[in-house]
């Protein structure tokens, strides 16, 4: 069952997403070599609860933390740890918030100051593929159009591995709703996109092959070939002329500019 949202419900989801965005901006301000994921996670939870909201991930299917923090070859669902970040790390931070009966969800992959050029190019391409997917999230298009846009840019143009086992999703009163939103597909295939559909689009792209595996903690997904992986995500509402992006990376990208330990991820247009 696909649930379409009213304008009022979309605005409530936007509020949740903007708190997610504020939390990601906090992470951007704190991230540097020597800092741990656990320390960032604690401050993220405090920020969310201070705004009268609840972490959307903590306790979800027994996940133990507020943030998913995935480092280097970890694709998604990394559990924050006491490992100190290194100047060569890429760090994906995924956050969910539950507020006013609706969830928000977004993610961003950060690059510390000594990340190599090949990995930086992966981050730029993955971020770019997110926005290419969003451009296709318009009333009258089909789900396959979103997946095609991501896959064509990341896999066919840049020869990266597009993860198949993990996909985007509908979002609303539940963190994960129908439909699934794959990062691969064919134009004109899949469910028709209609005004009021709210979905999380989240490309997960590997520098090497597309294959992934589950680690022993039963949460963390890593690349099988141990190459780096990038992950970017926005929650968007399908509209008749364009996708309305409900989350916002503007503040976190300002924090990246202000943080000398991080590199900017600039899209190539």
Protein backbone atom coordinates (compact mmCIF):
# COMPACT_ATOMS: atom_id res chain seq x y z
CA UNK A 1 0.00 0.00 0.00
CA UNK A 2 1.37 3.40 -1.05
CA UNK A 3 0.26 6.31 1.15
CA UNK A 4 0.06 9.72 -0.49
CA UNK A 5 0.50 12.71 1.79
CA UNK A 6 -1.55 15.88 2.07
CA UNK A 7 0.16 19.26 1.89
CA UNK A 8 -0.16 19.55 5.67
CA UNK A 9 1.46 16.15 6.22
CA UNK A 10 4.29 17.03 3.84
CA UNK A 11 5.03 20.14 5.90
CA UNK A 12 5.22 18.01 9.06
CA UNK A 13 7.64 15.65 7.32
CA UNK A 14 9.65 18.69 6.24
CA UNK A 15 9.99 19.77 9.89
CA UNK A 16 11.32 16.35 10.82
CA UNK A 17 13.71 16.43 7.86
CA UNK A 18 15.00 19.87 8.79
CA UNK A 19 15.84 18.62 12.27
CA UNK A 20 17.68 15.74 10.60
CA UNK A 21 19.53 18.35 8.53
CA UNK A 22 20.43 20.32 11.66
CA UNK A 23 21.78 17.14 13.24
CA UNK A 24 23.91 16.37 10.19
CA UNK A 25 25.24 19.94 10.33
CA UNK A 26 26.23 19.31 13.96
CA UNK A 27 28.09 16.18 12.87
CA UNK A 28 29.90 18.21 10.19
CA UNK A 29 31.03 20.73 12.80
CA UNK A 30 32.40 18.00 15.08
CA UNK A 31 34.02 15.65 12.60
CA UNK A 32 37.83 15.62 12.60
CA UNK A 33 40.71 13.21 13.16
CA UNK A 34 40.80 11.88 16.72
CA UNK A 35 37.04 12.22 17.28
CA UNK A 36 34.94 9.07 17.73
CA UNK A 37 31.59 8.11 16.28
CA UNK A 38 30.22 7.47 19.76
CA UNK A 39 30.94 11.04 20.86
CA UNK A 40 29.17 12.50 17.81
CA UNK A 41 26.25 10.11 18.27
CA UNK A 42 25.69 11.24 21.87
CA UNK A 43 25.61 14.93 20.91
CA UNK A 44 23.29 14.15 18.00
CA UNK A 45 20.83 12.41 20.31
CA UNK A 46 20.93 15.33 22.75
CA UNK A 47 20.19 17.80 19.95
CA UNK A 48 17.25 15.78 18.66
CA UNK A 49 15.70 15.32 22.11
CA UNK A 50 16.27 18.99 22.96
CA UNK A 51 13.94 19.80 20.04
CA UNK A 52 11.19 17.59 21.45
CA UNK A 53 11.82 14.81 18.94
CA UNK A 54 13.00 11.20 19.13
CA UNK A 55 15.89 9.58 17.25
CA UNK A 56 14.29 7.66 14.40
CA UNK A 57 16.89 4.89 14.25
CA UNK A 58 17.61 4.17 17.92
CA UNK A 59 15.70 1.03 18.88
CA UNK A 60 14.45 0.49 15.32
CA UNK A 61 14.74 -3.28 14.93
CA UNK A 62 17.03 -3.01 17.99
CA UNK A 63 19.56 -0.67 16.31
CA UNK A 64 21.62 0.66 19.25
CA UNK A 65 22.42 4.24 18.18
CA UNK A 66 20.97 7.56 16.99
CA UNK A 67 23.15 7.76 13.87
CA UNK A 68 24.40 5.24 11.36
CA UNK A 69 28.09 6.10 10.96
CA UNK A 70 29.76 4.14 8.18
CA UNK A 71 33.48 4.55 7.50
CA UNK A 72 35.43 3.83 4.27
CA UNK A 73 34.31 0.40 2.96
CA UNK A 74 31.24 0.39 5.21
CA UNK A 75 28.29 1.07 2.90
CA UNK A 76 25.50 1.76 5.42
CA UNK A 77 24.20 0.87 8.89
CA UNK A 78 27.54 1.28 10.65
CA UNK A 79 27.24 1.36 14.45
CA UNK A 80 29.06 4.33 16.04
CA UNK A 81 32.19 3.11 17.79
CA UNK A 82 35.11 4.35 19.88
CA UNK A 83 37.48 4.12 16.89
CA UNK A 84 39.07 7.52 16.32
CA UNK A 85 38.62 8.96 12.84
CA UNK A 86 41.74 9.18 10.67
CA UNK A 87 42.64 12.03 8.29
CA UNK A 88 42.21 9.62 5.34
CA UNK A 89 38.67 8.50 6.26
CA UNK A 90 35.40 9.04 4.46
CA UNK A 91 32.48 9.00 6.91
CA UNK A 92 28.85 8.49 5.96
CA UNK A 93 26.40 9.83 8.54
CA UNK A 94 22.76 8.76 8.20
CA UNK A 95 20.14 10.26 10.53
CA UNK A 96 16.45 9.75 11.15
CA UNK A 97 14.09 11.75 13.35
CA UNK A 98 10.53 11.14 14.56
CA UNK A 99 8.57 14.28 15.41
CA UNK A 100 4.90 15.30 15.19
CA UNK A 101 4.03 11.70 14.21
CA UNK A 102 6.23 11.77 11.08
CA UNK A 103 9.74 10.63 10.23
CA UNK A 104 12.51 12.49 8.43
CA UNK A 105 15.60 10.88 6.92
CA UNK A 106 18.79 12.10 5.19
CA UNK A 107 22.46 11.17 4.86
CA UNK A 108 25.78 12.65 3.76
CA UNK A 109 29.27 11.26 3.23
CA UNK A 110 32.06 13.48 4.53
CA UNK A 111 35.71 13.45 3.46
CA UNK A 112 38.50 14.22 5.91
CA UNK A 113 41.43 16.28 4.74
CA UNK A 114 43.76 13.62 3.32
CA UNK A 115 41.25 11.55 1.32
CA UNK A 116 42.75 10.57 -2.05
CA UNK A 117 41.54 11.92 -5.40
CA UNK A 118 40.04 8.64 -6.61
CA UNK A 119 37.82 8.40 -3.53
CA UNK A 120 36.87 12.08 -3.79
CA UNK A 121 35.69 11.46 -7.34
CA UNK A 122 33.46 8.65 -6.04
CA UNK A 123 31.88 11.03 -3.50
CA UNK A 124 31.28 13.72 -6.11
CA UNK A 125 29.69 11.23 -8.52
CA UNK A 126 27.48 9.68 -5.83
CA UNK A 127 26.25 13.06 -4.68
CA UNK A 128 25.64 14.06 -8.29
CA UNK A 129 23.67 10.86 -8.90
CA UNK A 130 21.39 11.72 -5.97
CA UNK A 131 20.33 14.95 -7.62
CA UNK A 132 19.93 13.29 -11.00
CA UNK A 133 17.57 10.82 -9.36
CA UNK A 134 15.68 13.66 -7.67
CA UNK A 135 15.20 15.39 -11.05
CA UNK A 136 13.20 12.34 -12.17
CA UNK A 137 10.94 12.28 -9.08
CA UNK A 138 8.12 14.11 -10.83
CA UNK A 139 4.39 13.36 -11.15
CA UNK A 140 3.76 11.13 -14.15
CA UNK A 141 7.21 9.55 -14.25
CA UNK A 142 7.85 6.02 -13.00
CA UNK A 143 10.04 4.59 -10.26
CA UNK A 144 12.33 3.11 -12.87
CA UNK A 145 13.12 6.61 -14.12
CA UNK A 146 14.72 7.46 -10.76
CA UNK A 147 16.77 4.28 -10.65
CA UNK A 148 17.82 4.69 -14.27
CA UNK A 149 19.05 8.24 -13.65
CA UNK A 150 21.21 7.11 -10.71
CA UNK A 151 22.50 3.97 -12.38
CA UNK A 152 23.23 5.61 -15.73
CA UNK A 153 25.38 8.29 -14.09
CA UNK A 154 27.20 6.18 -11.50
CA UNK A 155 27.53 2.85 -13.24
CA UNK A 156 27.37 3.39 -16.97
CA UNK A 157 29.14 6.74 -17.13
CA UNK A 158 31.63 6.37 -14.27
CA UNK A 159 31.91 2.57 -13.99
CA UNK A 160 31.22 2.40 -10.25
CA UNK A 161 29.30 -0.37 -8.51
CA UNK A 162 25.66 0.42 -7.73
CA UNK A 163 24.52 -1.57 -4.69
CA UNK A 164 21.46 -3.71 -5.46
CA UNK A 165 20.55 -5.14 -2.05
CA UNK A 166 19.83 -1.76 -0.43
CA UNK A 167 17.32 0.77 -1.74
CA UNK A 168 15.50 3.99 -0.94
CA UNK A 169 11.98 3.92 0.40
CA UNK A 170 8.71 5.67 1.06
CA UNK A 171 8.56 7.55 4.35
CA UNK A 172 5.87 9.11 6.52
CA UNK A 173 4.31 7.84 9.73
CA UNK A 174 6.62 4.87 9.32
CA UNK A 175 10.36 5.11 8.69
CA UNK A 176 10.11 2.64 5.82
CA UNK A 177 6.97 2.59 3.68
CA UNK A 178 6.13 1.46 0.16
CA UNK A 179 7.42 1.84 -2.45
CA UNK A 180 11.02 0.68 -2.51
CA UNK A 181 13.18 3.09 -4.54
CA UNK A 182 16.07 1.20 -6.20
CA UNK A 183 19.17 2.97 -7.48
CA UNK A 184 18.98 1.01 -10.71
CA UNK A 185 16.23 0.43 -13.24
CA UNK A 186 14.81 1.09 -16.69
CA UNK A 187 13.03 4.15 -17.95
CA UNK A 188 9.26 3.83 -18.06
CA UNK A 189 9.15 0.83 -15.71
CA UNK A 190 7.71 0.51 -12.22
CA UNK A 191 4.96 2.28 -10.32
CA UNK A 192 3.74 5.64 -11.58
CA UNK A 193 4.90 8.56 -9.43
CA UNK A 194 2.01 10.71 -8.22
CA UNK A 195 1.77 14.09 -6.51
CA UNK A 196 1.99 13.65 -2.73
CA UNK A 197 4.27 10.62 -2.73
CA UNK A 198 7.13 11.13 -0.24
CA UNK A 199 10.24 9.05 -0.74
CA UNK A 200 13.83 8.86 0.47
CA UNK A 201 16.22 8.67 -2.47
CA UNK A 202 19.63 7.37 -1.38
CA UNK A 203 22.30 6.22 -3.82
CA UNK A 204 24.83 3.80 -2.31
CA UNK A 205 27.74 3.57 -4.73
CA UNK A 206 30.97 1.56 -4.47
CA UNK A 207 34.34 2.48 -5.93
CA UNK A 208 34.79 -1.14 -6.96
CA UNK A 209 32.26 -3.90 -7.55
CA UNK A 210 28.60 -3.71 -6.51
CA UNK A 211 28.74 -6.76 -4.23
CA UNK A 212 28.29 -6.25 -0.47
CA UNK A 213 28.21 -8.40 2.65
CA UNK A 214 26.90 -8.20 6.22
CA UNK A 215 29.39 -7.98 9.09
CA UNK A 216 29.15 -10.05 12.28
CA UNK A 217 27.29 -7.31 14.17
CA UNK A 218 24.29 -8.08 11.89
CA UNK A 219 23.99 -4.41 10.96
CA UNK A 220 27.03 -3.05 9.15
CA UNK A 221 27.08 -3.59 5.39
CA UNK A 222 30.53 -3.49 3.74
CA UNK A 223 31.83 -3.86 0.21
CA UNK A 224 32.99 -7.39 -0.61
CA UNK A 225 36.13 -6.12 -2.31
CA UNK A 226 36.93 -3.69 0.57
CA UNK A 227 36.81 -0.62 -1.69
CA UNK A 228 35.30 2.64 -0.38
CA UNK A 229 31.58 3.30 -0.63
CA UNK A 230 29.60 6.57 -0.63
CA UNK A 231 26.03 7.33 0.44
CA UNK A 232 23.93 10.48 0.03
CA UNK A 233 20.22 10.83 0.80
CA UNK A 234 17.37 13.31 0.65
CA UNK A 235 13.70 12.94 1.51
CA UNK A 236 11.60 14.41 -1.31
CA UNK A 237 7.95 14.94 -2.14
CA UNK A 238 6.83 14.19 -5.70
CA UNK A 239 5.13 17.22 -7.21
CA UNK A 240 3.59 17.95 -10.61
CA UNK A 241 6.46 20.02 -12.00
CA UNK A 242 9.43 19.13 -9.80
CA UNK A 243 10.53 17.23 -6.71
CA UNK A 244 10.27 19.18 -3.47
CA UNK A 245 13.40 18.39 -1.42
CA UNK A 246 12.24 18.28 2.21
CA UNK A 247 15.69 17.78 3.78
CA UNK A 248 18.41 20.38 3.30
CA UNK A 249 22.19 19.98 3.09
CA UNK A 250 22.85 23.74 2.96
CA UNK A 251 23.80 24.20 6.63
CA UNK A 252 25.98 21.10 6.81
CA UNK A 253 27.84 22.24 3.69
CA UNK A 254 28.44 25.61 5.37
CA UNK A 255 29.87 23.68 8.33
CA UNK A 256 32.14 21.76 5.96
CA UNK A 257 33.51 25.06 4.63
CA UNK A 258 34.09 26.22 8.21
CA UNK A 259 35.76 22.98 9.28
CA UNK A 260 39.40 22.92 8.11
CA UNK A 261 39.55 19.14 8.67
CA UNK A 262 36.95 18.41 5.96
CA UNK A 263 36.94 18.61 2.16
CA UNK A 264 34.08 20.07 0.15
CA UNK A 265 32.12 17.70 -2.11
CA UNK A 266 31.34 19.84 -5.14
CA UNK A 267 29.10 18.53 -7.90
CA UNK A 268 30.42 18.75 -11.45
CA UNK A 269 27.69 20.15 -13.68
